[in-house]
Each structure stands twice: as C-alpha cells, then as structure tokens.
Amino acid sequence: LNNYTKFQIATWGSLLVHEFSYFFICLPGFVFQFIPYMQ
C-alpha cells in the first residue's frame, strides 16, 4: 500500500496473482506425467 497506487495494485497486482497462481497450481500435474508412480 505504501509503495504502489491503488490502480497498480488492482491492475498489475491482480494480473500477477492470477498468472502466478495459475501456473503454480498447474505445476504438480505437469510434473506427475514424468513420475511413473503417479500414473
């Protein structure tokens, strides 16, 4: 709040939350395909 404007937080903050969350949550499933035990 002290370092960024509300516009920056609402716009770029929301974009970062979405992109980071999306690919971070996807990561385990992506890795599973290379682990024979998980098949």
PDB file of all heavy atoms in Angstrom:
ATOM      1  N   LEU A   1       0.819  -1.210   0.000  1.00  0.00           N
ATOM      2  CA  LEU A   1       0.000   0.000   0.000  1.00  0.00           C
ATOM      3  C   LEU A   1       0.854   1.261   0.000  1.00  0.00           C
ATOM      4  O   LEU A   1       0.472   2.278  -0.596  1.00  0.00           O
ATOM      5  CB  LEU A   1      -0.930   0.002   1.215  1.00  0.00           C
ATOM      6  CG  LEU A   1      -2.025  -1.070   1.276  1.00  0.00           C
ATOM      7  CD1 LEU A   1      -2.814  -0.962   2.569  1.00  0.00           C
ATOM      8  CD2 LEU A   1      -2.962  -0.967   0.077  1.00  0.00           C
ATOM      9  N   ASN A   2       2.009   1.201   0.670  1.00  0.00           N
ATOM     10  CA  ASN A   2       2.887   2.369   0.772  1.00  0.00           C
ATOM     11  C   ASN A   2       3.693   2.633  -0.493  1.00  0.00           C
ATOM     12  O   ASN A   2       4.140   3.759  -0.721  1.00  0.00           O
ATOM     13  CB  ASN A   2       3.850   2.207   1.956  1.00  0.00           C
ATOM     14  CG  ASN A   2       3.140   2.280   3.291  1.00  0.00           C
ATOM     15  OD1 ASN A   2       2.065   2.884   3.400  1.00  0.00           O
ATOM     16  ND2 ASN A   2       3.717   1.667   4.320  1.00  0.00           N
ATOM     17  N   ASN A   3       3.883   1.580  -1.304  1.00  0.00           N
ATOM     18  CA  ASN A   3       4.785   1.714  -2.450  1.00  0.00           C
ATOM     19  C   ASN A   3       4.090   1.711  -3.808  1.00  0.00           C
ATOM     20  O   ASN A   3       4.737   2.031  -4.816  1.00  0.00           O
ATOM     21  CB  ASN A   3       5.823   0.586  -2.427  1.00  0.00           C
ATOM     22  CG  ASN A   3       6.831   0.758  -1.303  1.00  0.00           C
ATOM     23  OD1 ASN A   3       7.726   1.591  -1.388  1.00  0.00           O
ATOM     24  ND2 ASN A   3       6.672  -0.019  -0.235  1.00  0.00           N
ATOM     25  N   TYR A   4       2.823   1.354  -3.828  1.00  0.00           N
ATOM     26  CA  TYR A   4       2.123   1.281  -5.108  1.00  0.00           C
ATOM     27  C   TYR A   4       0.772   1.980  -5.019  1.00  0.00           C
ATOM     28  O   TYR A   4       0.162   2.034  -3.950  1.00  0.00           O
ATOM     29  CB  TYR A   4       1.929  -0.185  -5.535  1.00  0.00           C
ATOM     30  CG  TYR A   4       3.228  -0.923  -5.702  1.00  0.00           C
ATOM     31  CD1 TYR A   4       3.714  -1.738  -4.681  1.00  0.00           C
ATOM     32  CD2 TYR A   4       3.986  -0.793  -6.867  1.00  0.00           C
ATOM     33  CE1 TYR A   4       4.918  -2.412  -4.821  1.00  0.00           C
ATOM     34  CE2 TYR A   4       5.194  -1.463  -7.013  1.00  0.00           C
ATOM     35  CZ  TYR A   4       5.649  -2.270  -5.988  1.00  0.00           C
ATOM     36  OH  TYR A   4       6.850  -2.915  -6.126  1.00  0.00           O
ATOM     37  N   THR A   5       0.305   2.490  -6.157  1.00  0.00           N
ATOM     38  CA  THR A   5      -1.002   3.145  -6.197  1.00  0.00           C
ATOM     39  C   THR A   5      -2.101   2.094  -6.225  1.00  0.00           C
ATOM     40  O   THR A   5      -1.857   0.921  -6.523  1.00  0.00           O
ATOM     41  CB  THR A   5      -1.129   4.029  -7.447  1.00  0.00           C
ATOM     42  OG1 THR A   5      -1.106   3.190  -8.619  1.00  0.00           O
ATOM     43  CG2 THR A   5       0.010   5.034  -7.521  1.00  0.00           C
ATOM     44  N   LYS A   6      -3.313   2.537  -5.949  1.00  0.00           N
ATOM     45  CA  LYS A   6      -4.447   1.609  -5.999  1.00  0.00           C
ATOM     46  C   LYS A   6      -4.616   1.032  -7.408  1.00  0.00           C
ATOM     47  O   LYS A   6      -4.959  -0.148  -7.564  1.00  0.00           O
ATOM     48  CB  LYS A   6      -5.738   2.314  -5.570  1.00  0.00           C
ATOM     49  CG  LYS A   6      -5.853   2.548  -4.077  1.00  0.00           C
ATOM     50  CD  LYS A   6      -7.210   3.130  -3.739  1.00  0.00           C
ATOM     51  CE  LYS A   6      -7.391   3.288  -2.230  1.00  0.00           C
ATOM     52  NZ  LYS A   6      -8.728   3.832  -1.901  1.00  0.00           N
ATOM     53  N   PHE A   7      -4.383   1.850  -8.418  1.00  0.00           N
ATOM     54  CA  PHE A   7      -4.504   1.361  -9.793  1.00  0.00           C
ATOM     55  C   PHE A   7      -3.482   0.261 -10.064  1.00  0.00           C
ATOM     56  O   PHE A   7      -3.807  -0.756 -10.674  1.00  0.00           O
ATOM     57  CB  PHE A   7      -4.308   2.502 -10.793  1.00  0.00           C
ATOM     58  CG  PHE A   7      -4.380   2.050 -12.227  1.00  0.00           C
ATOM     59  CD1 PHE A   7      -5.604   1.880 -12.857  1.00  0.00           C
ATOM     60  CD2 PHE A   7      -3.216   1.762 -12.946  1.00  0.00           C
ATOM     61  CE1 PHE A   7      -5.680   1.432 -14.177  1.00  0.00           C
ATOM     62  CE2 PHE A   7      -3.280   1.318 -14.258  1.00  0.00           C
ATOM     63  CZ  PHE A   7      -4.514   1.155 -14.879  1.00  0.00           C
ATOM     64  N   GLN A   8      -2.253   0.463  -9.625  1.00  0.00           N
ATOM     65  CA  GLN A   8      -1.203  -0.545  -9.828  1.00  0.00           C
ATOM     66  C   GLN A   8      -1.535  -1.841  -9.087  1.00  0.00           C
ATOM     67  O   GLN A   8      -1.341  -2.939  -9.615  1.00  0.00           O
ATOM     68  CB  GLN A   8       0.144   0.001  -9.364  1.00  0.00           C
ATOM     69  CG  GLN A   8       0.697   1.108 -10.248  1.00  0.00           C
ATOM     70  CD  GLN A   8       1.934   1.762  -9.653  1.00  0.00           C
ATOM     71  OE1 GLN A   8       2.047   1.900  -8.425  1.00  0.00           O
ATOM     72  NE2 GLN A   8       2.865   2.177 -10.500  1.00  0.00           N
ATOM     73  N   ILE A   9      -2.045  -1.699  -7.858  1.00  0.00           N
ATOM     74  CA  ILE A   9      -2.386  -2.878  -7.059  1.00  0.00           C
ATOM     75  C   ILE A   9      -3.542  -3.643  -7.705  1.00  0.00           C
ATOM     76  O   ILE A   9      -3.484  -4.869  -7.872  1.00  0.00           O
ATOM     77  CB  ILE A   9      -2.756  -2.472  -5.620  1.00  0.00           C
ATOM     78  CG1 ILE A   9      -1.515  -1.927  -4.900  1.00  0.00           C
ATOM     79  CG2 ILE A   9      -3.351  -3.651  -4.851  1.00  0.00           C
ATOM     80  CD1 ILE A   9      -1.825  -1.236  -3.582  1.00  0.00           C
ATOM     81  N   ALA A  10      -4.597  -2.895  -8.080  1.00  0.00           N
ATOM     82  CA  ALA A  10      -5.792  -3.538  -8.630  1.00  0.00           C
ATOM     83  C   ALA A  10      -5.532  -4.157  -9.998  1.00  0.00           C
ATOM     84  O   ALA A  10      -6.096  -5.216 -10.320  1.00  0.00           O
ATOM     85  CB  ALA A  10      -6.934  -2.529  -8.727  1.00  0.00           C
ATOM     86  N   THR A  11      -4.669  -3.518 -10.784  1.00  0.00           N
ATOM     87  CA  THR A  11      -4.436  -3.994 -12.153  1.00  0.00           C
ATOM     88  C   THR A  11      -3.291  -4.993 -12.215  1.00  0.00           C
ATOM     89  O   THR A  11      -3.479  -6.179 -12.477  1.00  0.00           O
ATOM     90  CB  THR A  11      -4.160  -2.819 -13.098  1.00  0.00           C
ATOM     91  OG1 THR A  11      -5.235  -1.871 -12.997  1.00  0.00           O
ATOM     92  CG2 THR A  11      -4.047  -3.298 -14.538  1.00  0.00           C
ATOM     93  N   TRP A  12      -2.077  -4.505 -11.939  1.00  0.00           N
ATOM     94  CA  TRP A  12      -0.902  -5.377 -12.091  1.00  0.00           C
ATOM     95  C   TRP A  12      -0.815  -6.395 -10.956  1.00  0.00           C
ATOM     96  O   TRP A  12      -0.344  -7.523 -11.165  1.00  0.00           O
ATOM     97  CB  TRP A  12       0.370  -4.534 -12.190  1.00  0.00           C
ATOM     98  CG  TRP A  12       0.264  -3.500 -13.267  1.00  0.00           C
ATOM     99  CD1 TRP A  12       0.332  -2.146 -13.131  1.00  0.00           C
ATOM    100  CD2 TRP A  12       0.000  -3.744 -14.663  1.00  0.00           C
ATOM    101  NE1 TRP A  12       0.136  -1.526 -14.343  1.00  0.00           N
ATOM    102  CE2 TRP A  12      -0.067  -2.485 -15.302  1.00  0.00           C
ATOM    103  CE3 TRP A  12      -0.190  -4.891 -15.428  1.00  0.00           C
ATOM    104  CZ2 TRP A  12      -0.307  -2.352 -16.664  1.00  0.00           C
ATOM    105  CZ3 TRP A  12      -0.437  -4.768 -16.787  1.00  0.00           C
ATOM    106  CH2 TRP A  12      -0.482  -3.508 -17.388  1.00  0.00           C
ATOM    107  N   GLY A  13      -1.292  -6.000  -9.777  1.00  0.00           N
ATOM    108  CA  GLY A  13      -1.334  -6.960  -8.668  1.00  0.00           C
ATOM    109  C   GLY A  13      -2.270  -8.119  -8.983  1.00  0.00           C
ATOM    110  O   GLY A  13      -1.938  -9.287  -8.756  1.00  0.00           O
ATOM    111  N   SER A  14      -3.455  -7.800  -9.529  1.00  0.00           N
ATOM    112  CA  SER A  14      -4.424  -8.840  -9.876  1.00  0.00           C
ATOM    113  C   SER A  14      -3.882  -9.738 -10.986  1.00  0.00           C
ATOM    114  O   SER A  14      -4.080 -10.959 -10.956  1.00  0.00           O
ATOM    115  CB  SER A  14      -5.747  -8.203 -10.323  1.00  0.00           C
ATOM    116  OG  SER A  14      -6.331  -7.478  -9.256  1.00  0.00           O
ATOM    117  N   LEU A  15      -3.198  -9.137 -11.957  1.00  0.00           N
ATOM    118  CA  LEU A  15      -2.610  -9.929 -13.041  1.00  0.00           C
ATOM    119  C   LEU A  15      -1.556 -10.886 -12.499  1.00  0.00           C
ATOM    120  O   LEU A  15      -1.534 -12.075 -12.862  1.00  0.00           O
ATOM    121  CB  LEU A  15      -1.989  -9.016 -14.096  1.00  0.00           C
ATOM    122  CG  LEU A  15      -1.293  -9.730 -15.265  1.00  0.00           C
ATOM    123  CD1 LEU A  15      -2.303 -10.500 -16.110  1.00  0.00           C
ATOM    124  CD2 LEU A  15      -0.511  -8.730 -16.128  1.00  0.00           C
ATOM    125  N   LEU A  16      -0.695 -10.392 -11.610  1.00  0.00           N
ATOM    126  CA  LEU A  16       0.354 -11.238 -11.030  1.00  0.00           C
ATOM    127  C   LEU A  16      -0.238 -12.369 -10.199  1.00  0.00           C
ATOM    128  O   LEU A  16       0.235 -13.506 -10.259  1.00  0.00           O
ATOM    129  CB  LEU A  16       1.298 -10.386 -10.171  1.00  0.00           C
ATOM    130  CG  LEU A  16       2.286  -9.494 -10.928  1.00  0.00           C
ATOM    131  CD1 LEU A  16       3.022  -8.574  -9.967  1.00  0.00           C
ATOM    132  CD2 LEU A  16       3.289 -10.346 -11.709  1.00  0.00           C
ATOM    133  N   VAL A  17      -1.267 -12.056  -9.408  1.00  0.00           N
ATOM    134  CA  VAL A  17      -1.921 -13.088  -8.592  1.00  0.00           C
ATOM    135  C   VAL A  17      -2.487 -14.175  -9.500  1.00  0.00           C
ATOM    136  O   VAL A  17      -2.324 -15.373  -9.232  1.00  0.00           O
ATOM    137  CB  VAL A  17      -3.041 -12.473  -7.719  1.00  0.00           C
ATOM    138  CG1 VAL A  17      -3.931 -13.565  -7.121  1.00  0.00           C
ATOM    139  CG2 VAL A  17      -2.433 -11.635  -6.603  1.00  0.00           C
ATOM    140  N   HIS A  18      -3.144 -13.761 -10.571  1.00  0.00           N
ATOM    141  CA  HIS A  18      -3.743 -14.740 -11.484  1.00  0.00           C
ATOM    142  C   HIS A  18      -2.682 -15.592 -12.173  1.00  0.00           C
ATOM    143  O   HIS A  18      -2.775 -16.828 -12.180  1.00  0.00           O
ATOM    144  CB  HIS A  18      -4.607 -14.041 -12.530  1.00  0.00           C
ATOM    145  CG  HIS A  18      -5.263 -14.986 -13.488  1.00  0.00           C
ATOM    146  ND1 HIS A  18      -4.665 -15.384 -14.667  1.00  0.00           N
ATOM    147  CD2 HIS A  18      -6.458 -15.636 -13.433  1.00  0.00           C
ATOM    148  CE1 HIS A  18      -5.449 -16.232 -15.303  1.00  0.00           C
ATOM    149  NE2 HIS A  18      -6.549 -16.399 -14.575  1.00  0.00           N
ATOM    150  N   GLU A  19      -1.670 -14.953 -12.753  1.00  0.00           N
ATOM    151  CA  GLU A  19      -0.666 -15.695 -13.522  1.00  0.00           C
ATOM    152  C   GLU A  19       0.162 -16.616 -12.621  1.00  0.00           C
ATOM    153  O   GLU A  19       0.377 -17.788 -12.947  1.00  0.00           O
ATOM    154  CB  GLU A  19       0.263 -14.717 -14.270  1.00  0.00           C
ATOM    155  CG  GLU A  19      -0.426 -13.921 -15.348  1.00  0.00           C
ATOM    156  CD  GLU A  19      -1.141 -14.801 -16.363  1.00  0.00           C
ATOM    157  OE1 GLU A  19      -0.483 -15.641 -17.005  1.00  0.00           O
ATOM    158  OE2 GLU A  19      -2.370 -14.653 -16.497  1.00  0.00           O
ATOM    159  N   PHE A  20       0.614 -16.087 -11.486  1.00  0.00           N
ATOM    160  CA  PHE A  20       1.423 -16.907 -10.579  1.00  0.00           C
ATOM    161  C   PHE A  20       0.600 -18.078 -10.044  1.00  0.00           C
ATOM    162  O   PHE A  20       1.068 -19.227 -10.033  1.00  0.00           O
ATOM    163  CB  PHE A  20       1.952 -16.065  -9.420  1.00  0.00           C
ATOM    164  CG  PHE A  20       2.725 -16.863  -8.400  1.00  0.00           C
ATOM    165  CD1 PHE A  20       4.041 -17.229  -8.634  1.00  0.00           C
ATOM    166  CD2 PHE A  20       2.122 -17.274  -7.216  1.00  0.00           C
ATOM    167  CE1 PHE A  20       4.753 -17.990  -7.708  1.00  0.00           C
ATOM    168  CE2 PHE A  20       2.811 -18.040  -6.290  1.00  0.00           C
ATOM    169  CZ  PHE A  20       4.140 -18.393  -6.541  1.00  0.00           C
ATOM    170  N   SER A  21      -0.632 -17.800  -9.608  1.00  0.00           N
ATOM    171  CA  SER A  21      -1.477 -18.857  -9.050  1.00  0.00           C
ATOM    172  C   SER A  21      -1.779 -19.920 -10.094  1.00  0.00           C
ATOM    173  O   SER A  21      -1.724 -21.121  -9.807  1.00  0.00           O
ATOM    174  CB  SER A  21      -2.791 -18.261  -8.515  1.00  0.00           C
ATOM    175  OG  SER A  21      -2.538 -17.320  -7.498  1.00  0.00           O
ATOM    176  N   TYR A  22      -2.093 -19.484 -11.309  1.00  0.00           N
ATOM    177  CA  TYR A  22      -2.475 -20.421 -12.363  1.00  0.00           C
ATOM    178  C   TYR A  22      -1.362 -21.433 -12.632  1.00  0.00           C
ATOM    179  O   TYR A  22      -1.587 -22.653 -12.582  1.00  0.00           O
ATOM    180  CB  TYR A  22      -2.813 -19.657 -13.646  1.00  0.00           C
ATOM    181  CG  TYR A  22      -3.465 -20.519 -14.698  1.00  0.00           C
ATOM    182  CD1 TYR A  22      -4.843 -20.740 -14.690  1.00  0.00           C
ATOM    183  CD2 TYR A  22      -2.724 -21.126 -15.708  1.00  0.00           C
ATOM    184  CE1 TYR A  22      -5.457 -21.538 -15.638  1.00  0.00           C
ATOM    185  CE2 TYR A  22      -3.329 -21.929 -16.667  1.00  0.00           C
ATOM    186  CZ  TYR A  22      -4.684 -22.124 -16.628  1.00  0.00           C
ATOM    187  OH  TYR A  22      -5.295 -22.932 -17.567  1.00  0.00           O
ATOM    188  N   PHE A  23      -0.170 -20.939 -12.905  1.00  0.00           N
ATOM    189  CA  PHE A  23       0.905 -21.849 -13.298  1.00  0.00           C
ATOM    190  C   PHE A  23       1.521 -22.576 -12.100  1.00  0.00           C
ATOM    191  O   PHE A  23       2.009 -23.696 -12.250  1.00  0.00           O
ATOM    192  CB  PHE A  23       1.961 -21.087 -14.101  1.00  0.00           C
ATOM    193  CG  PHE A  23       1.458 -20.671 -15.458  1.00  0.00           C
ATOM    194  CD1 PHE A  23       1.131 -19.348 -15.722  1.00  0.00           C
ATOM    195  CD2 PHE A  23       1.264 -21.610 -16.449  1.00  0.00           C
ATOM    196  CE1 PHE A  23       0.635 -18.973 -16.962  1.00  0.00           C
ATOM    197  CE2 PHE A  23       0.760 -21.255 -17.697  1.00  0.00           C
ATOM    198  CZ  PHE A  23       0.447 -19.933 -17.955  1.00  0.00           C
ATOM    199  N   PHE A  24       1.437 -21.977 -10.921  1.00  0.00           N
ATOM    200  CA  PHE A  24       1.919 -22.667  -9.716  1.00  0.00           C
ATOM    201  C   PHE A  24       1.010 -23.853  -9.390  1.00  0.00           C
ATOM    202  O   PHE A  24       1.496 -24.945  -9.048  1.00  0.00           O
ATOM    203  CB  PHE A  24       1.976 -21.699  -8.533  1.00  0.00           C
ATOM    204  CG  PHE A  24       2.502 -22.324  -7.273  1.00  0.00           C
ATOM    205  CD1 PHE A  24       3.860 -22.548  -7.108  1.00  0.00           C
ATOM    206  CD2 PHE A  24       1.642 -22.685  -6.240  1.00  0.00           C
ATOM    207  CE1 PHE A  24       4.358 -23.135  -5.944  1.00  0.00           C
ATOM    208  CE2 PHE A  24       2.120 -23.266  -5.078  1.00  0.00           C
ATOM    209  CZ  PHE A  24       3.489 -23.490  -4.932  1.00  0.00           C
ATOM    210  N   ILE A  25      -0.301 -23.652  -9.502  1.00  0.00           N
ATOM    211  CA  ILE A  25      -1.244 -24.740  -9.218  1.00  0.00           C
ATOM    212  C   ILE A  25      -1.165 -25.811 -10.310  1.00  0.00           C
ATOM    213  O   ILE A  25      -1.373 -27.004 -10.042  1.00  0.00           O
ATOM    214  CB  ILE A  25      -2.680 -24.187  -9.072  1.00  0.00           C
ATOM    215  CG1 ILE A  25      -2.762 -23.212  -7.886  1.00  0.00           C
ATOM    216  CG2 ILE A  25      -3.687 -25.314  -8.861  1.00  0.00           C
ATOM    217  CD1 ILE A  25      -4.036 -22.380  -7.859  1.00  0.00           C
ATOM    218  N   CYS A  26      -0.847 -25.405 -11.535  1.00  0.00           N
ATOM    219  CA  CYS A  26      -0.699 -26.370 -12.640  1.00  0.00           C
ATOM    220  C   CYS A  26       0.555 -27.228 -12.497  1.00  0.00           C
ATOM    221  O   CYS A  26       0.617 -28.342 -13.051  1.00  0.00           O
ATOM    222  CB  CYS A  26      -0.609 -25.637 -13.979  1.00  0.00           C
ATOM    223  SG  CYS A  26      -2.177 -25.014 -14.612  1.00  0.00           S
ATOM    224  N   LEU A  27       1.549 -26.717 -11.788  1.00  0.00           N
ATOM    225  CA  LEU A  27       2.868 -27.363 -11.753  1.00  0.00           C
ATOM    226  C   LEU A  27       2.854 -28.822 -11.297  1.00  0.00           C
ATOM    227  O   LEU A  27       3.473 -29.669 -11.955  1.00  0.00           O
ATOM    228  CB  LEU A  27       3.825 -26.532 -10.881  1.00  0.00           C
ATOM    229  CG  LEU A  27       5.287 -26.973 -10.869  1.00  0.00           C
ATOM    230  CD1 LEU A  27       5.873 -26.937 -12.278  1.00  0.00           C
ATOM    231  CD2 LEU A  27       6.110 -26.084  -9.935  1.00  0.00           C
ATOM    232  N   PRO A  28       2.165 -29.183 -10.183  1.00  0.00           N
ATOM    233  CA  PRO A  28       2.180 -30.593  -9.764  1.00  0.00           C
ATOM    234  C   PRO A  28       1.678 -31.536 -10.854  1.00  0.00           C
ATOM    235  O   PRO A  28       2.300 -32.572 -11.127  1.00  0.00           O
ATOM    236  CB  PRO A  28       1.266 -30.617  -8.536  1.00  0.00           C
ATOM    237  CG  PRO A  28       1.326 -29.227  -8.003  1.00  0.00           C
ATOM    238  CD  PRO A  28       1.439 -28.346  -9.209  1.00  0.00           C
ATOM    239  N   GLY A  29       0.555 -31.189 -11.497  1.00  0.00           N
ATOM    240  CA  GLY A  29       0.010 -32.035 -12.549  1.00  0.00           C
ATOM    241  C   GLY A  29       0.960 -32.175 -13.727  1.00  0.00           C
ATOM    242  O   GLY A  29       1.039 -33.244 -14.349  1.00  0.00           O
ATOM    243  N   PHE A  30       1.671 -31.096 -14.028  1.00  0.00           N
ATOM    244  CA  PHE A  30       2.651 -31.148 -15.118  1.00  0.00           C
ATOM    245  C   PHE A  30       3.791 -32.100 -14.772  1.00  0.00           C
ATOM    246  O   PHE A  30       4.238 -32.890 -15.611  1.00  0.00           O
ATOM    247  CB  PHE A  30       3.204 -29.748 -15.383  1.00  0.00           C
ATOM    248  CG  PHE A  30       4.248 -29.705 -16.473  1.00  0.00           C
ATOM    249  CD1 PHE A  30       3.887 -29.757 -17.809  1.00  0.00           C
ATOM    250  CD2 PHE A  30       5.593 -29.616 -16.153  1.00  0.00           C
ATOM    251  CE1 PHE A  30       4.847 -29.731 -18.818  1.00  0.00           C
ATOM    252  CE2 PHE A  30       6.563 -29.586 -17.142  1.00  0.00           C
ATOM    253  CZ  PHE A  30       6.190 -29.642 -18.485  1.00  0.00           C
ATOM    254  N   VAL A  31       4.228 -32.068 -13.513  1.00  0.00           N
ATOM    255  CA  VAL A  31       5.337 -32.917 -13.063  1.00  0.00           C
ATOM    256  C   VAL A  31       4.904 -34.381 -12.993  1.00  0.00           C
ATOM    257  O   VAL A  31       5.710 -35.283 -13.269  1.00  0.00           O
ATOM    258  CB  VAL A  31       5.869 -32.428 -11.699  1.00  0.00           C
ATOM    259  CG1 VAL A  31       6.902 -33.400 -11.132  1.00  0.00           C
ATOM    260  CG2 VAL A  31       6.470 -31.032 -11.829  1.00  0.00           C
ATOM    261  N   PHE A  32       3.632 -34.625 -12.653  1.00  0.00           N
ATOM    262  CA  PHE A  32       3.145 -36.009 -12.498  1.00  0.00           C
ATOM    263  C   PHE A  32       3.384 -36.858 -13.742  1.00  0.00           C
ATOM    264  O   PHE A  32       3.620 -38.063 -13.631  1.00  0.00           O
ATOM    265  CB  PHE A  32       1.651 -36.022 -12.170  1.00  0.00           C
ATOM    266  CG  PHE A  32       1.317 -35.557 -10.778  1.00  0.00           C
ATOM    267  CD1 PHE A  32       0.002 -35.233 -10.441  1.00  0.00           C
ATOM    268  CD2 PHE A  32       2.299 -35.439  -9.807  1.00  0.00           C
ATOM    269  CE1 PHE A  32      -0.310 -34.799  -9.157  1.00  0.00           C
ATOM    270  CE2 PHE A  32       1.995 -35.001  -8.523  1.00  0.00           C
ATOM    271  CZ  PHE A  32       0.690 -34.689  -8.201  1.00  0.00           C
ATOM    272  N   GLN A  33       3.306 -36.241 -14.920  1.00  0.00           N
ATOM    273  CA  GLN A  33       3.437 -37.019 -16.158  1.00  0.00           C
ATOM    274  C   GLN A  33       4.828 -37.644 -16.310  1.00  0.00           C
ATOM    275  O   GLN A  33       4.994 -38.603 -17.083  1.00  0.00           O
ATOM    276  CB  GLN A  33       3.136 -36.128 -17.376  1.00  0.00           C
ATOM    277  CG  GLN A  33       4.142 -35.017 -17.611  1.00  0.00           C
ATOM    278  CD  GLN A  33       3.754 -34.114 -18.756  1.00  0.00           C
ATOM    279  OE1 GLN A  33       3.434 -34.585 -19.847  1.00  0.00           O
ATOM    280  NE2 GLN A  33       3.777 -32.811 -18.521  1.00  0.00           N
ATOM    281  N   PHE A  34       5.806 -37.130 -15.562  1.00  0.00           N
ATOM    282  CA  PHE A  34       7.173 -37.648 -15.643  1.00  0.00           C
ATOM    283  C   PHE A  34       7.491 -38.621 -14.495  1.00  0.00           C
ATOM    284  O   PHE A  34       8.611 -39.109 -14.392  1.00  0.00           O
ATOM    285  CB  PHE A  34       8.181 -36.496 -15.617  1.00  0.00           C
ATOM    286  CG  PHE A  34       7.970 -35.480 -16.707  1.00  0.00           C
ATOM    287  CD1 PHE A  34       7.510 -34.204 -16.403  1.00  0.00           C
ATOM    288  CD2 PHE A  34       8.209 -35.810 -18.038  1.00  0.00           C
ATOM    289  CE1 PHE A  34       7.315 -33.267 -17.412  1.00  0.00           C
ATOM    290  CE2 PHE A  34       8.004 -34.887 -19.047  1.00  0.00           C
ATOM    291  CZ  PHE A  34       7.549 -33.611 -18.734  1.00  0.00           C
ATOM    292  N   ILE A  35       6.506 -38.870 -13.626  1.00  0.00           N
ATOM    293  CA  ILE A  35       6.711 -39.754 -12.471  1.00  0.00           C
ATOM    294  C   ILE A  35       5.897 -41.031 -12.676  1.00  0.00           C
ATOM    295  O   ILE A  35       4.665 -41.012 -12.579  1.00  0.00           O
ATOM    296  CB  ILE A  35       6.282 -39.064 -11.156  1.00  0.00           C
ATOM    297  CG1 ILE A  35       7.035 -37.735 -10.982  1.00  0.00           C
ATOM    298  CG2 ILE A  35       6.546 -39.980  -9.961  1.00  0.00           C
ATOM    299  CD1 ILE A  35       6.582 -36.915  -9.781  1.00  0.00           C
ATOM    300  N   PRO A  36       6.549 -42.151 -12.976  1.00  0.00           N
ATOM    301  CA  PRO A  36       5.813 -43.410 -13.238  1.00  0.00           C
ATOM    302  C   PRO A  36       4.859 -43.801 -12.114  1.00  0.00           C
ATOM    303  O   PRO A  36       3.756 -44.301 -12.377  1.00  0.00           O
ATOM    304  CB  PRO A  36       6.945 -44.435 -13.399  1.00  0.00           C
ATOM    305  CG  PRO A  36       8.123 -43.633 -13.861  1.00  0.00           C
ATOM    306  CD  PRO A  36       8.005 -42.309 -13.165  1.00  0.00           C
ATOM    307  N   TYR A  37       5.250 -43.558 -10.855  1.00  0.00           N
ATOM    308  CA  TYR A  37       4.410 -43.938  -9.717  1.00  0.00           C
ATOM    309  C   TYR A  37       3.044 -43.250  -9.765  1.00  0.00           C
ATOM    310  O   TYR A  37       2.021 -43.830  -9.367  1.00  0.00           O
ATOM    311  CB  TYR A  37       5.126 -43.592  -8.408  1.00  0.00           C
ATOM    312  CG  TYR A  37       4.299 -43.870  -7.168  1.00  0.00           C
ATOM    313  CD1 TYR A  37       4.177 -45.160  -6.659  1.00  0.00           C
ATOM    314  CD2 TYR A  37       3.609 -42.834  -6.531  1.00  0.00           C
ATOM    315  CE1 TYR A  37       3.407 -45.418  -5.532  1.00  0.00           C
ATOM    316  CE2 TYR A  37       2.829 -43.081  -5.404  1.00  0.00           C
ATOM    317  CZ  TYR A  37       2.733 -44.372  -4.914  1.00  0.00           C
ATOM    318  OH  TYR A  37       1.965 -44.615  -3.804  1.00  0.00           O
ATOM    319  N   MET A  38       2.996 -42.006 -10.267  1.00  0.00           N
ATOM    320  CA  MET A  38       1.756 -41.232 -10.259  1.00  0.00           C
ATOM    321  C   MET A  38       0.783 -41.673 -11.350  1.00  0.00           C
ATOM    322  O   MET A  38      -0.384 -41.274 -11.337  1.00  0.00           O
ATOM    323  CB  MET A  38       2.068 -39.735 -10.425  1.00  0.00           C
ATOM    324  CG  MET A  38       2.889 -39.143  -9.297  1.00  0.00           C
ATOM    325  SD  MET A  38       2.139 -39.392  -7.663  1.00  0.00           S
ATOM    326  CE  MET A  38       0.624 -38.470  -7.826  1.00  0.00           C
ATOM    327  N   GLN A  39       1.245 -42.479 -12.282  1.00  0.00           N
ATOM    328  CA  GLN A  39       0.378 -42.854 -13.405  1.00  0.00           C
ATOM    329  C   GLN A  39      -0.804 -43.721 -12.971  1.00  0.00           C
ATOM    330  O   GLN A  39      -1.817 -43.783 -13.670  1.00  0.00           O
ATOM    331  CB  GLN A  39       1.200 -43.569 -14.483  1.00  0.00           C
ATOM    332  CG  GLN A  39       2.276 -42.689 -15.109  1.00  0.00           C
ATOM    333  CD  GLN A  39       1.766 -41.292 -15.458  1.00  0.00           C
ATOM    334  OE1 GLN A  39       0.840 -41.133 -16.249  1.00  0.00           O
ATOM    335  NE2 GLN A  39       2.366 -40.270 -14.852  1.00  0.00           N
TER     336      GLN A  39
END
